[in-house]
Protein backbone atom coordinates (compact mmCIF):
# COMPACT_ATOMS: atom_id res chain seq x y z
CA MET A 1 -4.40 20.48 -1.05
CA LEU A 2 -1.09 20.66 -2.58
CA LYS A 3 1.41 17.27 -3.14
CA LEU A 4 4.60 17.55 -4.23
CA ASP A 5 7.13 14.78 -3.99
CA ALA A 6 10.23 15.47 -2.46
CA HIS A 7 12.60 13.15 -3.51
CA ILE A 8 12.42 11.04 -7.38
CA HIS A 9 15.32 10.20 -9.31
CA VAL A 10 15.72 10.90 -13.06
CA THR A 11 18.10 9.92 -15.28
CA PRO A 12 18.94 11.14 -18.30
CA PRO A 13 18.50 8.31 -21.48
CA GLU A 14 22.41 8.27 -22.47
CA ILE A 15 22.83 6.77 -19.11
CA SER A 16 20.26 4.72 -18.67
CA GLY A 17 20.80 3.15 -22.09
CA ASN A 18 24.02 2.81 -22.12
CA LEU A 19 24.78 1.71 -18.25
CA ASP A 20 28.03 -0.92 -18.90
CA LYS A 21 29.93 2.33 -19.67
CA TYR A 22 28.68 4.35 -16.74
CA THR A 23 28.63 1.58 -14.06
CA SER A 24 32.28 0.38 -14.62
CA LYS A 25 33.71 4.14 -14.06
CA GLU A 26 31.34 4.61 -10.97
CA PRO A 27 31.50 2.04 -8.10
CA TYR A 28 28.19 3.16 -6.19
CA PHE A 29 26.49 3.47 -9.15
CA GLU A 30 27.45 -0.16 -9.92
CA LEU A 31 26.09 -1.53 -6.92
CA LEU A 32 23.16 0.46 -6.37
CA SER A 33 22.14 -0.24 -10.44
CA ALA A 34 22.99 -4.22 -10.15
CA SER A 35 20.32 -4.48 -7.32
CA PRO A 36 16.97 -5.58 -8.72
CA LYS A 37 14.66 -3.18 -7.33
CA ASN A 38 16.65 -0.44 -9.12
CA LYS A 39 14.90 1.12 -12.09
CA PHE A 40 15.48 4.40 -13.90
CA ALA A 41 13.22 6.79 -14.97
CA ASP A 42 13.17 9.93 -17.41
CA ALA A 43 11.18 12.77 -16.92
CA LYS A 44 8.43 11.89 -18.54
CA THR A 45 7.68 8.91 -16.54
CA VAL A 46 7.96 11.41 -14.25
CA ILE A 47 5.12 13.19 -15.58
CA ALA A 48 2.91 9.85 -15.70
CA GLU A 49 3.65 8.77 -12.32
CA LEU A 50 2.37 12.29 -11.06
CA ASP A 51 -0.30 12.54 -12.86
CA GLY A 52 -1.84 8.88 -11.93
CA ALA A 53 -0.84 9.58 -8.63
CA GLY A 54 -2.72 13.04 -8.57
CA PHE A 55 0.16 14.80 -7.30
CA ASP A 56 1.07 18.50 -8.54
CA GLY A 57 4.79 18.31 -8.70
CA ALA A 58 7.68 17.08 -7.24
CA VAL A 59 11.79 17.61 -6.74
CA ILE A 60 14.16 15.61 -8.86
CA PHE A 61 17.67 15.28 -9.43
CA GLY A 62 20.43 12.78 -11.24
CA PHE A 63 22.63 10.37 -9.77
CA ALA A 64 25.47 12.38 -7.83
CA PHE A 65 28.08 10.35 -9.22
CA GLN A 66 32.08 10.73 -8.32
CA ASP A 67 32.85 12.22 -11.66
CA LEU A 68 31.87 15.44 -12.01
CA GLY A 69 31.62 15.88 -16.01
CA LEU A 70 28.79 12.83 -15.48
CA CYS A 71 27.28 14.99 -12.69
CA ARG A 72 27.74 17.63 -14.80
CA MET A 73 25.78 15.86 -17.70
CA VAL A 74 22.70 14.78 -15.21
CA ASN A 75 22.39 18.16 -14.48
CA ASP A 76 22.19 19.51 -17.80
CA TYR A 77 19.46 17.31 -17.96
CA VAL A 78 17.56 18.49 -15.35
CA ILE A 79 17.67 21.88 -16.38
CA GLU A 80 16.89 20.72 -19.56
CA MET A 81 13.62 18.67 -18.31
CA VAL A 82 12.35 21.75 -15.78
CA LYS A 83 12.08 24.06 -18.46
CA ALA A 84 10.17 21.46 -20.57
CA TYR A 85 7.86 20.92 -17.19
CA PRO A 86 7.28 23.51 -14.71
CA ARG A 87 5.68 20.86 -12.98
CA LEU A 88 9.41 19.78 -11.78
CA THR A 89 12.22 21.83 -9.55
CA GLY A 90 15.38 20.44 -10.39
CA PHE A 91 18.16 19.92 -7.62
CA ILE A 92 21.95 19.83 -8.63
CA ALA A 93 24.13 17.00 -8.63
CA VAL A 94 27.82 17.34 -7.13
CA PRO A 95 30.56 15.27 -5.99
CA PRO A 96 30.78 18.06 -2.55
CA ALA A 97 34.69 17.30 -2.05
CA ASP A 98 35.54 18.61 -5.83
CA ARG A 99 37.35 21.22 -6.69
CA GLY A 100 34.77 22.32 -9.00
CA ALA A 101 31.95 20.81 -7.04
CA LEU A 102 31.49 25.10 -5.87
CA GLY A 103 31.51 26.20 -9.74
CA GLU A 104 29.25 23.83 -10.74
CA ILE A 105 26.58 24.82 -8.26
CA GLU A 106 26.65 28.16 -9.38
CA ARG A 107 26.45 27.78 -13.13
CA ALA A 108 23.51 25.25 -12.37
CA HIS A 109 21.90 27.24 -9.89
CA GLU A 110 22.23 30.64 -12.26
CA ALA A 111 20.69 27.63 -15.08
CA GLY A 112 17.10 27.33 -12.56
CA LEU A 113 18.39 24.82 -10.42
CA LYS A 114 16.76 25.26 -6.83
CA GLY A 115 19.12 23.08 -4.48
CA VAL A 116 21.58 20.23 -3.85
CA GLY A 117 21.28 16.73 -3.70
CA GLU A 118 21.27 13.66 -2.82
CA ILE A 119 24.61 13.74 -1.66
CA PHE A 120 26.08 10.34 -1.19
CA PRO A 121 28.61 10.78 1.27
CA SER A 122 30.32 7.31 0.74
CA GLY A 123 29.35 6.69 -2.30
CA GLN A 124 31.41 10.29 -3.10
CA ARG A 125 34.02 9.80 -0.93
CA PHE A 126 32.94 13.11 1.08
CA SER A 127 33.97 13.12 4.59
CA ILE A 128 30.73 14.91 6.36
CA GLU A 129 32.27 14.92 9.70
CA ASP A 130 35.26 16.89 8.45
CA ALA A 131 34.49 20.76 9.30
CA ASP A 132 36.45 22.49 7.05
CA ALA A 133 35.64 20.60 3.40
CA THR A 134 31.86 21.15 4.93
CA ARG A 135 31.93 24.54 5.55
CA ALA A 136 33.07 24.75 1.67
CA PHE A 137 30.72 23.46 0.69
CA THR A 138 27.53 24.77 2.57
CA GLY A 139 28.67 28.14 2.70
CA LEU A 140 27.92 28.61 -1.26
CA CYS A 141 24.57 27.06 -0.56
CA ALA A 142 23.73 28.98 2.34
CA GLU A 143 25.26 32.14 0.08
CA ARG A 144 22.71 31.60 -2.42
CA SER A 145 19.34 29.81 -0.11
CA LEU A 146 19.68 26.52 -1.81
CA PRO A 147 18.53 23.62 0.16
CA ILE A 148 20.99 20.28 0.61
CA LEU A 149 19.15 17.04 0.12
CA VAL A 150 22.02 14.24 1.93
CA HIS A 151 21.67 10.57 1.81
CA ALA A 152 21.14 8.84 5.66
CA ASN A 153 20.72 5.49 6.51
CA GLU A 154 19.52 3.49 9.72
CA PRO A 155 22.26 1.83 11.48
CA VAL A 156 20.42 -1.74 12.69
CA GLY A 157 18.41 -3.74 10.85
CA HIS A 158 18.99 -5.91 7.03
CA TYR A 159 21.77 -4.85 5.09
CA TYR A 160 20.04 -3.33 1.51
CA PRO A 161 22.32 -1.88 -1.48
CA GLY A 162 23.32 1.62 -0.73
CA LYS A 163 23.27 1.38 3.13
CA THR A 164 26.77 2.31 4.13
CA ASP A 165 28.88 3.14 7.41
CA THR A 166 27.63 6.52 7.54
CA THR A 167 26.88 7.25 10.95
CA LEU A 168 24.30 9.04 13.37
CA ARG A 169 26.88 10.76 14.64
CA GLN A 170 28.53 11.90 11.17
CA LEU A 171 25.49 13.18 10.27
CA GLU A 172 25.43 15.59 13.55
CA GLN A 173 28.67 16.67 12.56
CA PHE A 174 27.78 17.83 9.22
CA ILE A 175 24.93 19.58 10.52
CA GLU A 176 26.85 21.22 13.08
CA HIS A 177 28.98 22.63 10.11
CA SER A 178 26.55 23.52 8.25
CA SER A 179 25.33 27.07 9.54
CA GLY A 180 22.70 29.08 7.53
CA VAL A 181 21.68 25.98 5.47
CA ASP A 182 18.94 24.05 5.06
CA ILE A 183 19.42 20.21 4.94
CA ILE A 184 16.79 17.46 4.16
CA LEU A 185 18.03 14.19 5.63
CA ALA A 186 16.52 11.91 3.38
CA HIS A 187 15.38 7.87 4.52
CA TRP A 188 13.72 9.69 8.12
CA GLY A 189 17.54 10.69 8.24
CA GLY A 190 18.52 7.12 9.36
CA GLY A 191 16.38 7.52 12.19
CA LEU A 192 17.87 10.74 13.51
CA PHE A 193 14.87 12.79 14.11
CA PHE A 194 13.96 10.26 16.91
CA TYR A 195 16.62 12.10 18.90
CA GLU A 196 14.61 15.56 18.49
CA MET A 197 13.29 14.38 21.41
CA MET A 198 16.83 16.01 23.09
CA PRO A 199 15.98 19.52 23.77
CA GLU A 200 19.83 20.41 22.84
CA PHE A 201 19.83 18.36 19.87
CA ARG A 202 16.06 19.76 18.33
CA GLN A 203 17.99 23.43 18.71
CA LYS A 204 20.64 22.04 16.84
CA CYS A 205 18.51 21.02 13.62
CA ALA A 206 16.50 23.89 13.69
CA ARG A 207 16.95 24.08 10.05
CA VAL A 208 17.08 19.95 9.40
CA TYR A 209 13.74 18.19 7.35
CA TYR A 210 13.48 14.60 7.04
CA ASP A 211 11.96 12.89 4.10
CA CYS A 212 10.71 9.27 4.01
CA ALA A 213 11.81 8.03 0.98
CA ALA A 214 12.41 3.82 0.93
CA THR A 215 9.49 4.19 3.97
CA PRO A 216 7.92 0.85 3.00
CA PHE A 217 11.13 -1.23 3.20
CA LEU A 218 12.27 0.50 6.69
CA TYR A 219 9.33 1.23 8.86
CA ASP A 220 5.64 0.29 9.30
CA SER A 221 2.98 3.14 9.13
CA ARG A 222 3.17 4.26 12.29
CA VAL A 223 6.28 5.97 11.36
CA TYR A 224 4.22 8.95 9.96
CA ARG A 225 1.94 9.57 12.99
CA THR A 226 5.27 9.01 15.73
CA ALA A 227 7.08 11.66 13.77
CA CYS A 228 4.01 14.26 14.29
CA ASP A 229 3.60 12.81 18.08
CA LEU A 230 7.27 14.77 18.33
CA GLY A 231 6.09 17.93 16.83
CA LEU A 232 7.93 17.41 13.59
CA GLU A 233 4.91 18.27 11.95
CA THR A 234 6.57 20.91 9.77
CA LYS A 235 10.17 19.49 9.34
CA ILE A 236 8.92 16.14 7.18
CA LEU A 237 8.39 16.18 3.70
CA PHE A 238 6.83 13.41 1.21
CA GLY A 239 9.30 11.85 -0.64
CA SER A 240 8.72 8.23 -2.53
CA ASP A 241 12.45 7.70 -4.12
CA TYR A 242 10.51 7.05 -7.61
CA PRO A 243 11.40 5.27 -9.61
CA LEU A 244 12.67 3.07 -6.59
CA LEU A 245 8.71 2.86 -5.43
CA PRO A 246 5.35 3.98 -7.12
CA ILE A 247 4.07 7.09 -5.28
CA SER A 248 0.62 4.80 -4.36
CA ARG A 249 2.60 2.66 -2.13
CA TYR A 250 3.10 5.59 -0.07
CA ILE A 251 -0.12 6.70 0.40
CA LYS A 252 -1.91 3.50 1.08
CA GLU A 253 0.57 3.10 4.55
CA ILE A 254 0.06 6.99 5.19
CA ASN A 255 -4.20 6.28 4.88
CA LYS A 256 -3.32 3.90 8.08
CA SER A 257 -1.34 6.19 9.96
CA ALA A 258 -3.76 8.34 11.25
CA MET A 259 -1.80 11.67 10.63
CA PRO A 260 -3.43 14.84 11.61
CA PRO A 261 -5.44 16.36 8.69
CA PRO A 262 -2.96 19.76 8.99
CA ALA A 263 -0.07 17.79 9.68
CA ARG A 264 -0.77 15.60 7.02
CA GLU A 265 -1.14 18.51 4.75
CA MET A 266 1.82 20.53 5.11
CA PHE A 267 3.76 17.12 4.92
CA LEU A 268 2.22 15.75 1.25
CA GLY A 269 3.21 19.17 -0.13
CA GLY A 270 3.57 22.43 2.20
CA ASN A 271 6.46 21.73 3.91
CA CYS A 272 7.88 21.03 1.10
CA ALA A 273 6.71 24.09 -0.72
CA ARG A 274 7.78 26.38 1.74
CA LEU A 275 11.52 24.62 1.21
CA ILE A 276 11.57 25.15 -2.42
CA SER A 277 10.23 28.57 -2.74
CA SER A 278 12.46 30.64 -0.88
């Protein structure tokens, strides 16, 4: 069975070793970095984590800063690492509202990266409900067949660093304005996947996928089987959010969930492989 992790963060040593230099310029990055649960990993550490968990590969990306120059720095690191470790697939960090974002997507895609994200709408001051801004950004991704990974969070429950005021309605509007592109909503889409029980909403979300990043902090193990019961077995992706959590933490919960074997195979790697091979 092919096993792929669709959601792993990597940080260039230059940034992780000089945090004060970068957090002072990036309020959202400072917020996340200050959390006691926050950790940093380089690509070599990611490979060791994959080997320990018996995974074949992963999608990696740097932090999506507000500053385009910093995004370019993390993209250069990801470009270098996917060349050094062919098991890794890289996504492109950009501030979507920046005038240079489209040029950076073109540059990084031509250098070998295969998707865009993780986008932090609130942290990057990107109004995802704005039709014109969204179409300008996602239109290029559609042309180049680049899936987009977007941070989402549930509108209820406990607070944690990174939980923003982005609403499910705003996510729906982003989907409406993103014709022709595959969208991955992180963290189960903040619960948006439950609404795919509505026929008209399921049709709207035909190209929307959901990863399970941070599940142990958010839901109990029934969420995996529930997604399958909703008929979403082709639309869910395993994503650990490593180094926030180790892959092993998820496998224990997944083993409790009674996911049907065919769905489990798609979830653990098949669905991700299909997305990043297009």
